[in-house]
Amino acid sequence: MSKSILINNGNLGRMGKTTIAYNIYKTSKEPFKYVTNDLENASIDLVENVKEDELFHFPNGTDIDMDFSGNIIFDFGGKPDDRLMVIAEAVDMIIVPLSYQSDSELELTVKNLNTLIEVNSNIILVINNTDTADAKRIRTALKFNPHFKKIKVLEINHSKYIRRLANDNQTVFEVAEANKGDATRLNKTIIPQFKELFSTLNITI
């Protein structure tokens, strides 16, 4: 069964959406089409690292003219896009990444969740590159919001490796394969957390 996934947190940038999208795209045994509305500000060089026939770039204001069969990742966000809610309603799953720096990101994320859940309740909030204490506070804050009881909350811990994934255009598994020391550290927390995300998405790696 094909899968369609939107990765978005409204107009918030630097939440880790492209890093998550790229790890799904590159790690999955099933091929994915990679659709983005922004190549210029992507944290990973998508033109160099996504297969040419699997990369689709549709800036805001253009029609999304493509074959919608098969598995698709929509890596959208960081700026306004008029097509967002149409995509959100149509996909199988929405991933909302939150890289917490202050309460302002959390407040904007809650607003974005409130908007998205109106059209699609299949949402995973990924508390991304955030320390354990802050992740616990976020979980507690969301627990008391009745709208979010059905939202799955996952974590990817704060780590120097998260930045390396974008800087080196690599997946977490490629970093681990390249160095035994890195593999030991990544297998303690980060790799199991990515595996939990993939399992929740029913993605075979």
C-alpha atoms as a PDB file:
ATOM      1  CA  MET A   1       0.000   0.000   0.000  1.00  0.00           C
ATOM      2  CA  SER A   2       1.393   3.401  -0.991  1.00  0.00           C
ATOM      3  CA  LYS A   3       2.078   6.096   1.580  1.00  0.00           C
ATOM      4  CA  SER A   4       1.836   9.880   1.409  1.00  0.00           C
ATOM      5  CA  ILE A   5       3.490  11.944   4.150  1.00  0.00           C
ATOM      6  CA  LEU A   6       3.480  15.700   4.728  1.00  0.00           C
ATOM      7  CA  ILE A   7       6.276  17.123   6.877  1.00  0.00           C
ATOM      8  CA  ASN A   8       5.424  20.651   7.999  1.00  0.00           C
ATOM      9  CA  ASN A   9       5.255  23.026  10.957  1.00  0.00           C
ATOM     10  CA  GLY A  10       3.565  26.039   9.422  1.00  0.00           C
ATOM     11  CA  ASN A  11       5.918  28.950   8.787  1.00  0.00           C
ATOM     12  CA  LEU A  12       8.465  27.818  11.370  1.00  0.00           C
ATOM     13  CA  GLY A  13      11.878  27.191   9.860  1.00  0.00           C
ATOM     14  CA  ARG A  14      14.846  25.215  11.197  1.00  0.00           C
ATOM     15  CA  MET A  15      12.631  22.577  12.820  1.00  0.00           C
ATOM     16  CA  GLY A  16      14.443  19.689  11.114  1.00  0.00           C
ATOM     17  CA  LYS A  17      11.754  18.844   8.566  1.00  0.00           C
ATOM     18  CA  THR A  18      14.149  18.299   5.651  1.00  0.00           C
ATOM     19  CA  THR A  19      16.501  16.197   7.777  1.00  0.00           C
ATOM     20  CA  ILE A  20      13.583  13.946   8.764  1.00  0.00           C
ATOM     21  CA  ALA A  21      12.212  13.871   5.205  1.00  0.00           C
ATOM     22  CA  TYR A  22      15.607  12.986   3.736  1.00  0.00           C
ATOM     23  CA  ASN A  23      16.210  10.225   6.288  1.00  0.00           C
ATOM     24  CA  ILE A  24      12.849   8.680   5.359  1.00  0.00           C
ATOM     25  CA  TYR A  25      13.527   9.062   1.629  1.00  0.00           C
ATOM     26  CA  LYS A  26      17.054   7.640   1.712  1.00  0.00           C
ATOM     27  CA  THR A  27      16.532   4.881   4.305  1.00  0.00           C
ATOM     28  CA  SER A  28      13.234   3.371   3.183  1.00  0.00           C
ATOM     29  CA  LYS A  29      13.457   0.178   1.141  1.00  0.00           C
ATOM     30  CA  GLU A  30      10.384   1.381  -0.731  1.00  0.00           C
ATOM     31  CA  PRO A  31      11.079   4.230  -3.208  1.00  0.00           C
ATOM     32  CA  PHE A  32       9.570   7.638  -2.460  1.00  0.00           C
ATOM     33  CA  LYS A  33       8.938  10.672  -4.614  1.00  0.00           C
ATOM     34  CA  TYR A  34      10.296  13.757  -2.880  1.00  0.00           C
ATOM     35  CA  VAL A  35       8.172  16.895  -3.325  1.00  0.00           C
ATOM     36  CA  THR A  36       9.334  20.262  -1.999  1.00  0.00           C
ATOM     37  CA  ASN A  37       8.257  23.874  -2.274  1.00  0.00           C
ATOM     38  CA  ASP A  38      11.724  25.232  -1.430  1.00  0.00           C
ATOM     39  CA  LEU A  39      15.099  24.141  -2.771  1.00  0.00           C
ATOM     40  CA  GLU A  40      17.009  27.299  -1.892  1.00  0.00           C
ATOM     41  CA  ASN A  41      16.632  27.111   1.896  1.00  0.00           C
ATOM     42  CA  ALA A  42      16.727  23.337   2.337  1.00  0.00           C
ATOM     43  CA  SER A  43      19.240  22.178   4.933  1.00  0.00           C
ATOM     44  CA  ILE A  44      20.301  19.349   2.606  1.00  0.00           C
ATOM     45  CA  ASP A  45      21.322  19.755  -1.047  1.00  0.00           C
ATOM     46  CA  LEU A  46      18.309  17.940  -2.456  1.00  0.00           C
ATOM     47  CA  VAL A  47      19.330  18.393  -6.100  1.00  0.00           C
ATOM     48  CA  GLU A  48      22.571  16.542  -5.427  1.00  0.00           C
ATOM     49  CA  ASN A  49      21.203  13.882  -3.100  1.00  0.00           C
ATOM     50  CA  VAL A  50      17.714  12.987  -4.357  1.00  0.00           C
ATOM     51  CA  LYS A  51      17.410  11.085  -7.638  1.00  0.00           C
ATOM     52  CA  GLU A  52      16.519  13.406 -10.471  1.00  0.00           C
ATOM     53  CA  ASP A  53      13.404  11.471 -11.459  1.00  0.00           C
ATOM     54  CA  GLU A  54      12.197  11.368  -7.837  1.00  0.00           C
ATOM     55  CA  LEU A  55      12.641  15.062  -6.979  1.00  0.00           C
ATOM     56  CA  PHE A  56       9.765  17.464  -7.700  1.00  0.00           C
ATOM     57  CA  HIS A  57      10.012  21.192  -6.951  1.00  0.00           C
ATOM     58  CA  PHE A  58       6.828  23.268  -6.994  1.00  0.00           C
ATOM     59  CA  PRO A  59       7.248  26.823  -5.628  1.00  0.00           C
ATOM     60  CA  ASN A  60       4.192  28.439  -4.065  1.00  0.00           C
ATOM     61  CA  GLY A  61       1.844  29.797  -6.709  1.00  0.00           C
ATOM     62  CA  THR A  62       2.426  26.928  -9.149  1.00  0.00           C
ATOM     63  CA  ASP A  63       0.295  23.852  -9.774  1.00  0.00           C
ATOM     64  CA  ILE A  64       1.543  20.568  -8.317  1.00  0.00           C
ATOM     65  CA  ASP A  65       1.641  18.791 -11.655  1.00  0.00           C
ATOM     66  CA  MET A  66       2.883  15.236 -11.121  1.00  0.00           C
ATOM     67  CA  ASP A  67       1.890  11.593 -10.941  1.00  0.00           C
ATOM     68  CA  PHE A  68       0.468  11.041  -7.454  1.00  0.00           C
ATOM     69  CA  SER A  69       0.733   7.242  -7.494  1.00  0.00           C
ATOM     70  CA  GLY A  70       3.187   5.475  -5.199  1.00  0.00           C
ATOM     71  CA  ASN A  71       4.907   6.766  -2.063  1.00  0.00           C
ATOM     72  CA  ILE A  72       5.309  10.528  -1.701  1.00  0.00           C
ATOM     73  CA  ILE A  73       7.023  12.800   0.832  1.00  0.00           C
ATOM     74  CA  PHE A  74       5.872  16.422   0.841  1.00  0.00           C
ATOM     75  CA  ASP A  75       8.662  18.454   2.445  1.00  0.00           C
ATOM     76  CA  PHE A  76       6.785  21.734   2.827  1.00  0.00           C
ATOM     77  CA  GLY A  77       7.210  24.601   5.226  1.00  0.00           C
ATOM     78  CA  GLY A  78       9.298  27.373   6.638  1.00  0.00           C
ATOM     79  CA  LYS A  79       7.266  29.909   4.676  1.00  0.00           C
ATOM     80  CA  PRO A  80       3.618  30.482   3.711  1.00  0.00           C
ATOM     81  CA  ASP A  81       2.156  28.200   1.055  1.00  0.00           C
ATOM     82  CA  ASP A  82      -1.404  28.469  -0.211  1.00  0.00           C
ATOM     83  CA  ARG A  83      -1.542  24.759  -1.076  1.00  0.00           C
ATOM     84  CA  LEU A  84      -0.666  23.459   2.370  1.00  0.00           C
ATOM     85  CA  MET A  85      -4.132  22.645   3.711  1.00  0.00           C
ATOM     86  CA  VAL A  86      -5.169  20.850   0.512  1.00  0.00           C
ATOM     87  CA  ILE A  87      -2.095  18.627   0.821  1.00  0.00           C
ATOM     88  CA  ALA A  88      -2.653  18.147   4.562  1.00  0.00           C
ATOM     89  CA  GLU A  89      -6.181  16.907   3.960  1.00  0.00           C
ATOM     90  CA  ALA A  90      -5.103  14.488   1.231  1.00  0.00           C
ATOM     91  CA  VAL A  91      -2.073  12.749   2.794  1.00  0.00           C
ATOM     92  CA  ASP A  92      -2.067   9.613   4.927  1.00  0.00           C
ATOM     93  CA  MET A  93       0.117  11.094   7.669  1.00  0.00           C
ATOM     94  CA  ILE A  94       1.456  14.461   8.807  1.00  0.00           C
ATOM     95  CA  ILE A  95       4.744  14.845  10.670  1.00  0.00           C
ATOM     96  CA  VAL A  96       5.087  18.087  12.642  1.00  0.00           C
ATOM     97  CA  PRO A  97       8.707  18.569  13.774  1.00  0.00           C
ATOM     98  CA  LEU A  98       9.434  20.825  16.741  1.00  0.00           C
ATOM     99  CA  SER A  99      13.009  21.807  17.509  1.00  0.00           C
ATOM    100  CA  TYR A 100      12.381  23.604  20.791  1.00  0.00           C
ATOM    101  CA  GLN A 101      14.359  26.756  21.544  1.00  0.00           C
ATOM    102  CA  SER A 102      11.828  28.744  23.540  1.00  0.00           C
ATOM    103  CA  ASP A 103       8.129  28.808  24.353  1.00  0.00           C
ATOM    104  CA  SER A 104       7.466  30.786  21.166  1.00  0.00           C
ATOM    105  CA  GLU A 105       8.165  27.703  19.017  1.00  0.00           C
ATOM    106  CA  LEU A 106       5.852  25.635  21.201  1.00  0.00           C
ATOM    107  CA  GLU A 107       3.066  28.225  21.016  1.00  0.00           C
ATOM    108  CA  LEU A 108       3.307  28.439  17.226  1.00  0.00           C
ATOM    109  CA  THR A 109       3.437  24.647  16.975  1.00  0.00           C
ATOM    110  CA  VAL A 110       0.244  24.333  19.033  1.00  0.00           C
ATOM    111  CA  LYS A 111      -1.464  26.806  16.679  1.00  0.00           C
ATOM    112  CA  ASN A 112      -0.258  24.836  13.677  1.00  0.00           C
ATOM    113  CA  LEU A 113      -1.462  21.566  15.216  1.00  0.00           C
ATOM    114  CA  ASN A 114      -4.871  23.128  15.871  1.00  0.00           C
ATOM    115  CA  THR A 115      -5.089  24.079  12.193  1.00  0.00           C
ATOM    116  CA  LEU A 116      -3.863  20.767  10.782  1.00  0.00           C
ATOM    117  CA  ILE A 117      -5.994  18.557  13.021  1.00  0.00           C
ATOM    118  CA  GLU A 118      -9.124  20.155  11.582  1.00  0.00           C
ATOM    119  CA  VAL A 119      -8.448  18.442   8.249  1.00  0.00           C
ATOM    120  CA  ASN A 120      -6.362  15.398   9.233  1.00  0.00           C
ATOM    121  CA  SER A 121      -6.007  13.776  12.657  1.00  0.00           C
ATOM    122  CA  ASN A 122      -3.219  11.394  11.579  1.00  0.00           C
ATOM    123  CA  ILE A 123      -0.425  13.498  13.028  1.00  0.00           C
ATOM    124  CA  ILE A 124       2.931  12.657  14.581  1.00  0.00           C
ATOM    125  CA  LEU A 125       4.617  15.412  16.577  1.00  0.00           C
ATOM    126  CA  VAL A 126       8.365  14.827  16.535  1.00  0.00           C
ATOM    127  CA  ILE A 127      10.124  16.729  19.317  1.00  0.00           C
ATOM    128  CA  ASN A 128      13.335  17.051  17.375  1.00  0.00           C
ATOM    129  CA  ASN A 129      16.882  17.868  18.527  1.00  0.00           C
ATOM    130  CA  THR A 130      15.522  18.875  21.939  1.00  0.00           C
ATOM    131  CA  ASP A 131      16.898  17.953  25.354  1.00  0.00           C
ATOM    132  CA  THR A 132      15.046  15.477  27.557  1.00  0.00           C
ATOM    133  CA  ALA A 133      13.822  17.986  30.153  1.00  0.00           C
ATOM    134  CA  ASP A 134      12.261  20.263  27.515  1.00  0.00           C
ATOM    135  CA  ALA A 135      10.727  17.282  25.723  1.00  0.00           C
ATOM    136  CA  LYS A 136       9.084  16.216  28.976  1.00  0.00           C
ATOM    137  CA  ARG A 137       7.674  19.738  29.484  1.00  0.00           C
ATOM    138  CA  ILE A 138       6.237  19.717  25.970  1.00  0.00           C
ATOM    139  CA  ARG A 139       4.601  16.334  26.483  1.00  0.00           C
ATOM    140  CA  THR A 140       3.061  17.571  29.743  1.00  0.00           C
ATOM    141  CA  ALA A 141       1.754  20.749  28.123  1.00  0.00           C
ATOM    142  CA  LEU A 142       0.146  18.841  25.256  1.00  0.00           C
ATOM    143  CA  LYS A 143      -1.358  16.194  27.528  1.00  0.00           C
ATOM    144  CA  PHE A 144      -3.830  18.713  28.924  1.00  0.00           C
ATOM    145  CA  ASN A 145      -5.036  19.831  25.498  1.00  0.00           C
ATOM    146  CA  PRO A 146      -8.057  17.662  24.568  1.00  0.00           C
ATOM    147  CA  HIS A 147      -7.450  18.245  20.840  1.00  0.00           C
ATOM    148  CA  PHE A 148      -4.118  16.458  20.959  1.00  0.00           C
ATOM    149  CA  LYS A 149      -5.022  13.214  22.731  1.00  0.00           C
ATOM    150  CA  LYS A 150      -4.873  11.275  19.462  1.00  0.00           C
ATOM    151  CA  ILE A 151      -1.590  12.801  18.315  1.00  0.00           C
ATOM    152  CA  LYS A 152       1.405  10.497  18.552  1.00  0.00           C
ATOM    153  CA  VAL A 153       4.400  12.213  20.166  1.00  0.00           C
ATOM    154  CA  LEU A 154       7.909  10.942  19.422  1.00  0.00           C
ATOM    155  CA  GLU A 155      11.332  12.293  20.308  1.00  0.00           C
ATOM    156  CA  ILE A 156      14.698  12.636  18.601  1.00  0.00           C
ATOM    157  CA  ASN A 157      17.127  13.778  21.260  1.00  0.00           C
ATOM    158  CA  HIS A 158      19.357  16.821  21.054  1.00  0.00           C
ATOM    159  CA  SER A 159      22.661  15.675  19.579  1.00  0.00           C
ATOM    160  CA  LYS A 160      25.643  16.982  17.646  1.00  0.00           C
ATOM    161  CA  TYR A 161      24.789  14.301  15.099  1.00  0.00           C
ATOM    162  CA  ILE A 162      21.544  15.989  14.075  1.00  0.00           C
ATOM    163  CA  ARG A 163      23.515  18.953  12.752  1.00  0.00           C
ATOM    164  CA  ARG A 164      25.969  16.612  11.042  1.00  0.00           C
ATOM    165  CA  LEU A 165      23.159  14.879   9.149  1.00  0.00           C
ATOM    166  CA  ALA A 166      22.394  18.123   7.316  1.00  0.00           C
ATOM    167  CA  ASN A 167      25.975  19.356   7.024  1.00  0.00           C
ATOM    168  CA  ASP A 168      27.197  16.056   5.538  1.00  0.00           C
ATOM    169  CA  ASN A 169      24.014  15.253   3.569  1.00  0.00           C
ATOM    170  CA  GLN A 170      23.849  11.880   5.293  1.00  0.00           C
ATOM    171  CA  THR A 171      21.295   9.740   7.049  1.00  0.00           C
ATOM    172  CA  VAL A 172      21.761   8.709  10.653  1.00  0.00           C
ATOM    173  CA  PHE A 173      22.475   5.168   9.470  1.00  0.00           C
ATOM    174  CA  GLU A 174      25.153   6.312   7.004  1.00  0.00           C
ATOM    175  CA  VAL A 175      26.934   8.218   9.776  1.00  0.00           C
ATOM    176  CA  ALA A 176      26.860   5.108  11.970  1.00  0.00           C
ATOM    177  CA  GLU A 177      28.137   2.866   9.169  1.00  0.00           C
ATOM    178  CA  ALA A 178      31.120   5.136   8.545  1.00  0.00           C
ATOM    179  CA  ASN A 179      32.548   5.055  12.073  1.00  0.00           C
ATOM    180  CA  LYS A 180      32.344   2.451  14.862  1.00  0.00           C
ATOM    181  CA  GLY A 181      32.573   5.070  17.610  1.00  0.00           C
ATOM    182  CA  ASP A 182      29.742   7.072  16.086  1.00  0.00           C
ATOM    183  CA  ALA A 183      27.740   3.861  15.664  1.00  0.00           C
ATOM    184  CA  THR A 184      28.088   3.016  19.359  1.00  0.00           C
ATOM    185  CA  ARG A 185      26.842   6.438  20.438  1.00  0.00           C
ATOM    186  CA  LEU A 186      24.056   6.641  17.839  1.00  0.00           C
ATOM    187  CA  ASN A 187      22.753   3.168  18.656  1.00  0.00           C
ATOM    188  CA  LYS A 188      22.165   4.179  22.268  1.00  0.00           C
ATOM    189  CA  THR A 189      19.400   6.669  21.504  1.00  0.00           C
ATOM    190  CA  ILE A 190      19.210   8.417  18.136  1.00  0.00           C
ATOM    191  CA  ILE A 191      18.983   5.385  15.847  1.00  0.00           C
ATOM    192  CA  PRO A 192      16.306   3.667  17.998  1.00  0.00           C
ATOM    193  CA  GLN A 193      14.320   6.927  17.938  1.00  0.00           C
ATOM    194  CA  PHE A 194      14.494   7.124  14.135  1.00  0.00           C
ATOM    195  CA  LYS A 195      13.526   3.455  13.955  1.00  0.00           C
ATOM    196  CA  GLU A 196      10.488   4.136  16.148  1.00  0.00           C
ATOM    197  CA  LEU A 197       9.434   6.906  13.762  1.00  0.00           C
ATOM    198  CA  PHE A 198       9.838   4.619  10.754  1.00  0.00           C
ATOM    199  CA  SER A 199       7.909   1.854  12.497  1.00  0.00           C
ATOM    200  CA  THR A 200       5.059   4.260  13.292  1.00  0.00           C
ATOM    201  CA  LEU A 201       4.967   5.199   9.597  1.00  0.00           C
ATOM    202  CA  ASN A 202       5.058   1.503   8.580  1.00  0.00           C
ATOM    203  CA  ILE A 203       8.253   2.123   6.632  1.00  0.00           C
ATOM    204  CA  THR A 204      10.589  -0.806   6.010  1.00  0.00           C
ATOM    205  CA  ILE A 205      14.280   0.011   6.399  1.00  0.00           C
END
